[in-house]
C-alpha atoms as a PDB file:
ATOM      1  CA  MET A   1      -7.914 -15.449  15.725  1.00  0.00           C
ATOM      2  CA  GLU A   2      -8.989 -15.798  12.109  1.00  0.00           C
ATOM      3  CA  GLU A   3      -6.448 -15.393   9.330  1.00  0.00           C
ATOM      4  CA  PHE A   4      -8.141 -12.235   8.034  1.00  0.00           C
ATOM      5  CA  GLU A   5      -7.861 -10.677  11.512  1.00  0.00           C
ATOM      6  CA  GLU A   6      -4.146 -11.431  11.552  1.00  0.00           C
ATOM      7  CA  LYS A   7      -3.781  -9.766   8.141  1.00  0.00           C
ATOM      8  CA  LEU A   8      -5.669  -6.689   9.361  1.00  0.00           C
ATOM      9  CA  LYS A   9      -3.366  -6.460  12.365  1.00  0.00           C
ATOM     10  CA  ALA A  10      -0.301  -6.889  10.138  1.00  0.00           C
ATOM     11  CA  GLY A  11      -1.589  -4.074   7.914  1.00  0.00           C
ATOM     12  CA  ARG A  12      -2.077  -1.768  10.907  1.00  0.00           C
ATOM     13  CA  ASP A  13       1.405  -2.641  12.158  1.00  0.00           C
ATOM     14  CA  LYS A  14       3.015  -1.884   8.784  1.00  0.00           C
ATOM     15  CA  ILE A  15       1.344   1.514   8.458  1.00  0.00           C
ATOM     16  CA  PHE A  16       2.372   2.317  12.028  1.00  0.00           C
ATOM     17  CA  VAL A  17       5.981   1.468  11.122  1.00  0.00           C
ATOM     18  CA  ALA A  18       5.778   3.590   7.951  1.00  0.00           C
ATOM     19  CA  ASP A  19       4.344   6.537   9.871  1.00  0.00           C
ATOM     20  CA  HIS A  20       6.992   6.221  12.581  1.00  0.00           C
ATOM     21  CA  MET A  21       9.788   5.992  10.014  1.00  0.00           C
ATOM     22  CA  LEU A  22       8.564   9.116   8.255  1.00  0.00           C
ATOM     23  CA  MET A  23       7.861  11.230  11.323  1.00  0.00           C
ATOM     24  CA  THR A  24      10.789  10.139  13.478  1.00  0.00           C
ATOM     25  CA  THR A  25      13.573   8.440  11.551  1.00  0.00           C
ATOM     26  CA  TYR A  26      13.369  10.465   8.346  1.00  0.00           C
ATOM     27  CA  SER A  27      12.898  13.768  10.164  1.00  0.00           C
ATOM     28  CA  LEU A  28      16.065  13.085  12.199  1.00  0.00           C
ATOM     29  CA  LEU A  29      18.312  11.696   9.465  1.00  0.00           C
ATOM     30  CA  LYS A  30      16.951  13.440   6.357  1.00  0.00           C
ATOM     31  CA  ASP A  31      18.240  10.523   4.249  1.00  0.00           C
ATOM     32  CA  PRO A  32      16.035  10.171   1.137  1.00  0.00           C
ATOM     33  CA  LYS A  33      16.897   6.453   0.861  1.00  0.00           C
ATOM     34  CA  ILE A  34      14.636   5.897   3.876  1.00  0.00           C
ATOM     35  CA  LEU A  35      11.703   6.974   1.711  1.00  0.00           C
ATOM     36  CA  LEU A  36      11.940   3.688  -0.230  1.00  0.00           C
ATOM     37  CA  SER A  37      11.623   1.665   2.978  1.00  0.00           C
ATOM     38  CA  ILE A  38       8.641   3.744   3.987  1.00  0.00           C
ATOM     39  CA  LEU A  39       6.997   3.103   0.604  1.00  0.00           C
ATOM     40  CA  ASP A  40       7.646  -0.608   1.011  1.00  0.00           C
ATOM     41  CA  ASN A  41       5.890  -0.609   4.389  1.00  0.00           C
ATOM     42  CA  ILE A  42       2.929   1.318   2.974  1.00  0.00           C
ATOM     43  CA  SER A  43       2.692  -1.183   0.133  1.00  0.00           C
ATOM     44  CA  LEU A  44       2.716  -4.081   2.601  1.00  0.00           C
ATOM     45  CA  ALA A  45       0.034  -2.368   4.681  1.00  0.00           C
ATOM     46  CA  TYR A  46      -2.210  -2.035   1.623  1.00  0.00           C
ATOM     47  CA  GLU A  47      -1.443  -5.595   0.575  1.00  0.00           C
ATOM     48  CA  ASN A  48      -2.271  -7.063   3.992  1.00  0.00           C
ATOM     49  CA  THR A  49      -5.475  -5.054   4.346  1.00  0.00           C
ATOM     50  CA  LEU A  50      -6.669  -5.939   0.865  1.00  0.00           C
ATOM     51  CA  SER A  51      -5.804  -9.590   1.421  1.00  0.00           C
ATOM     52  CA  ALA A  52      -7.651  -9.582   4.759  1.00  0.00           C
ATOM     53  CA  PHE A  53     -10.826  -8.304   3.137  1.00  0.00           C
ATOM     54  CA  LEU A  54     -10.645 -10.868   0.343  1.00  0.00           C
ATOM     55  CA  GLN A  55     -10.040 -13.653   2.865  1.00  0.00           C
ATOM     56  CA  TYR A  56     -13.002 -12.428   4.892  1.00  0.00           C
ATOM     57  CA  GLU A  57     -15.218 -12.417   1.805  1.00  0.00           C
ATOM     58  CA  ARG A  58     -13.980 -15.869   0.819  1.00  0.00           C
ATOM     59  CA  LEU A  59     -14.587 -17.197   4.333  1.00  0.00           C
ATOM     60  CA  PHE A  60     -18.281 -16.348   4.023  1.00  0.00           C
ATOM     61  CA  ARG A  61     -18.412 -17.483   0.376  1.00  0.00           C
ATOM     62  CA  ARG A  62     -19.333 -14.056  -0.981  1.00  0.00           C
ATOM     63  CA  ILE A  63     -16.626 -14.275  -3.641  1.00  0.00           C
ATOM     64  CA  SER A  64     -15.148 -17.092  -5.673  1.00  0.00           C
ATOM     65  CA  SER A  65     -11.609 -18.269  -5.185  1.00  0.00           C
ATOM     66  CA  TYR A  66      -8.688 -16.207  -6.379  1.00  0.00           C
ATOM     67  CA  THR A  67      -4.935 -16.588  -6.611  1.00  0.00           C
ATOM     68  CA  PRO A  68      -3.369 -15.211  -3.408  1.00  0.00           C
ATOM     69  CA  GLU A  69      -0.621 -13.187  -5.107  1.00  0.00           C
ATOM     70  CA  ALA A  70      -0.259  -9.440  -4.702  1.00  0.00           C
ATOM     71  CA  GLY A  71      -0.992  -8.562  -8.341  1.00  0.00           C
ATOM     72  CA  SER A  72      -3.876 -10.967  -8.805  1.00  0.00           C
ATOM     73  CA  GLU A  73      -5.462  -9.985  -5.484  1.00  0.00           C
ATOM     74  CA  LEU A  74      -5.411  -6.336  -6.530  1.00  0.00           C
ATOM     75  CA  ASN A  75      -6.935  -7.123  -9.927  1.00  0.00           C
ATOM     76  CA  PHE A  76      -9.591  -9.339  -8.365  1.00  0.00           C
ATOM     77  CA  PHE A  77     -10.389  -6.649  -5.813  1.00  0.00           C
ATOM     78  CA  GLN A  78     -10.692  -3.962  -8.493  1.00  0.00           C
ATOM     79  CA  LEU A  79     -12.832  -6.081 -10.808  1.00  0.00           C
ATOM     80  CA  LYS A  80     -15.124  -7.914  -8.410  1.00  0.00           C
ATOM     81  CA  VAL A  81     -15.206  -6.268  -4.997  1.00  0.00           C
ATOM     82  CA  MET A  82     -14.829  -2.501  -5.293  1.00  0.00           C
ATOM     83  CA  ASN A  83     -18.091  -1.867  -7.140  1.00  0.00           C
ATOM     84  CA  LYS A  84     -19.982  -4.369  -4.997  1.00  0.00           C
ATOM     85  CA  TYR A  85     -19.185  -2.431  -1.809  1.00  0.00           C
ATOM     86  CA  GLY A  86     -18.946   1.075  -3.252  1.00  0.00           C
ATOM     87  CA  ILE A  87     -15.236   1.484  -2.577  1.00  0.00           C
ATOM     88  CA  LYS A  88     -13.875   4.463  -4.480  1.00  0.00           C
ATOM     89  CA  GLU A  89     -10.955   4.112  -6.865  1.00  0.00           C
ATOM     90  CA  ASP A  90      -9.068   7.006  -5.249  1.00  0.00           C
ATOM     91  CA  LEU A  91      -8.474   4.898  -2.118  1.00  0.00           C
ATOM     92  CA  ILE A  92      -6.624   2.228  -4.091  1.00  0.00           C
ATOM     93  CA  GLU A  93      -4.810   4.495  -6.593  1.00  0.00           C
ATOM     94  CA  PRO A  94      -1.923   5.271  -4.185  1.00  0.00           C
ATOM     95  CA  TYR A  95      -1.300   1.533  -3.788  1.00  0.00           C
ATOM     96  CA  VAL A  96      -1.106   1.064  -7.550  1.00  0.00           C
ATOM     97  CA  ARG A  97       1.258   4.032  -7.866  1.00  0.00           C
ATOM     98  CA  ILE A  98       3.447   2.791  -4.992  1.00  0.00           C
ATOM     99  CA  ARG A  99       3.687  -0.657  -6.571  1.00  0.00           C
ATOM    100  CA  ASP A 100       4.786   0.983  -9.830  1.00  0.00           C
ATOM    101  CA  ILE A 101       7.433   3.020  -7.999  1.00  0.00           C
ATOM    102  CA  LEU A 102       8.778  -0.045  -6.189  1.00  0.00           C
ATOM    103  CA  LYS A 103       8.911  -1.963  -9.472  1.00  0.00           C
ATOM    104  CA  ALA A 104      10.734   0.959 -11.109  1.00  0.00           C
ATOM    105  CA  HIS A 105      13.206   0.935  -8.211  1.00  0.00           C
ATOM    106  CA  LYS A 106      13.790  -2.779  -8.630  1.00  0.00           C
ATOM    107  CA  ASP A 107      14.383  -2.432 -12.392  1.00  0.00           C
ATOM    108  CA  SER A 108      16.356   0.805 -12.216  1.00  0.00           C
ATOM    109  CA  ASN A 109      20.093   1.173 -12.699  1.00  0.00           C
ATOM    110  CA  ILE A 110      20.218   4.870 -11.799  1.00  0.00           C
ATOM    111  CA  GLU A 111      18.978   6.341  -8.516  1.00  0.00           C
ATOM    112  CA  PHE A 112      20.036   9.482  -6.727  1.00  0.00           C
ATOM    113  CA  SER A 113      19.024  12.052  -4.119  1.00  0.00           C
ATOM    114  CA  ARG A 114      18.308  15.673  -4.902  1.00  0.00           C
ATOM    115  CA  ASN A 115      16.852  18.396  -2.679  1.00  0.00           C
ATOM    116  CA  GLY A 116      15.555  15.916  -0.114  1.00  0.00           C
ATOM    117  CA  ASN A 117      13.813  13.793  -2.760  1.00  0.00           C
ATOM    118  CA  TYR A 118      14.752  10.364  -4.043  1.00  0.00           C
ATOM    119  CA  ILE A 119      14.855  10.103  -7.830  1.00  0.00           C
ATOM    120  CA  ILE A 120      14.601   6.864  -9.800  1.00  0.00           C
ATOM    121  CA  ALA A 121      15.518   6.833 -13.497  1.00  0.00           C
ATOM    122  CA  ASN A 122      14.700   4.020 -15.895  1.00  0.00           C
ATOM    123  CA  ASP A 123      16.715   3.062 -18.986  1.00  0.00           C
ATOM    124  CA  ASP A 124      14.950   5.774 -21.030  1.00  0.00           C
ATOM    125  CA  TYR A 125      15.759   8.342 -18.309  1.00  0.00           C
ATOM    126  CA  ASP A 126      12.125   8.786 -17.317  1.00  0.00           C
ATOM    127  CA  LEU A 127      12.307  10.101 -13.772  1.00  0.00           C
ATOM    128  CA  THR A 128      10.181   9.128 -10.792  1.00  0.00           C
ATOM    129  CA  LYS A 129      10.380  11.407  -7.758  1.00  0.00           C
ATOM    130  CA  ILE A 130       9.694  10.266  -4.219  1.00  0.00           C
ATOM    131  CA  SER A 131       9.115  13.019  -1.670  1.00  0.00           C
ATOM    132  CA  ALA A 132       8.204  13.083   2.007  1.00  0.00           C
ATOM    133  CA  GLU A 133       5.125  15.246   1.314  1.00  0.00           C
ATOM    134  CA  GLU A 134       3.742  12.712  -1.127  1.00  0.00           C
ATOM    135  CA  ILE A 135       4.425   9.864   1.285  1.00  0.00           C
ATOM    136  CA  LYS A 136       2.450  11.677   3.995  1.00  0.00           C
ATOM    137  CA  LYS A 137      -0.536  11.667   1.637  1.00  0.00           C
ATOM    138  CA  ASP A 138       0.030   7.978   0.884  1.00  0.00           C
ATOM    139  CA  ILE A 139       0.056   7.115   4.585  1.00  0.00           C
ATOM    140  CA  LYS A 140      -3.196   9.014   5.093  1.00  0.00           C
ATOM    141  CA  SER A 141      -4.772   7.252   2.104  1.00  0.00           C
ATOM    142  CA  CYS A 142      -3.689   3.876   3.449  1.00  0.00           C
ATOM    143  CA  LYS A 143      -5.116   4.661   6.892  1.00  0.00           C
ATOM    144  CA  ASP A 144      -8.388   5.735   5.260  1.00  0.00           C
ATOM    145  CA  PHE A 145      -8.448   2.507   3.238  1.00  0.00           C
ATOM    146  CA  GLN A 146      -7.795   0.433   6.350  1.00  0.00           C
ATOM    147  CA  ALA A 147     -10.523   2.222   8.291  1.00  0.00           C
ATOM    148  CA  LEU A 148     -13.006   1.663   5.472  1.00  0.00           C
ATOM    149  CA  ILE A 149     -12.168  -2.036   5.171  1.00  0.00           C
ATOM    150  CA  GLU A 150     -12.430  -2.542   8.935  1.00  0.00           C
ATOM    151  CA  LYS A 151     -15.775  -0.721   8.923  1.00  0.00           C
ATOM    152  CA  LYS A 152     -17.027  -2.921   6.051  1.00  0.00           C
ATOM    153  CA  ILE A 153     -15.991  -6.065   7.888  1.00  0.00           C
ATOM    154  CA  LYS A 154     -17.694  -4.949  11.118  1.00  0.00           C
ATOM    155  CA  THR A 155     -20.930  -4.069   9.319  1.00  0.00           C
ATOM    156  CA  LEU A 156     -20.954  -7.365   7.387  1.00  0.00           C
ATOM    157  CA  ILE A 157     -20.614  -9.526  10.511  1.00  0.00           C
END
């Protein structure tokens, strides 16, 4: 199995875990802290899928080399690959937003739950809200992105 195929499988597995956590675990426990773990799994699903496509493109020498780090892969994908294959920006926007939320969580000193949402506050008290409804949309967007990437890979073979 090629490395890009392993990354695709890892991406599918991560989105399955995120979906299961939201639909089963979160619906039973109603603990908003679980929403952060779900976001982390969605982010990893995007990351693995994006990395798989770049590895596939690199394997067939359609793109030049890039630094295999999450931030640089995303930038490379946005600058060089998206326009080439007609991938719309709205499929990758949730990933960018999720990365920003996870970074805010990492840098935040104040976090709390309110009305079933998880709130992250930065040092200037700018609030970021994480809700189950928004995460459902993120999971759907990630699944759409994965389906598109898998379709692109199958048509390019």
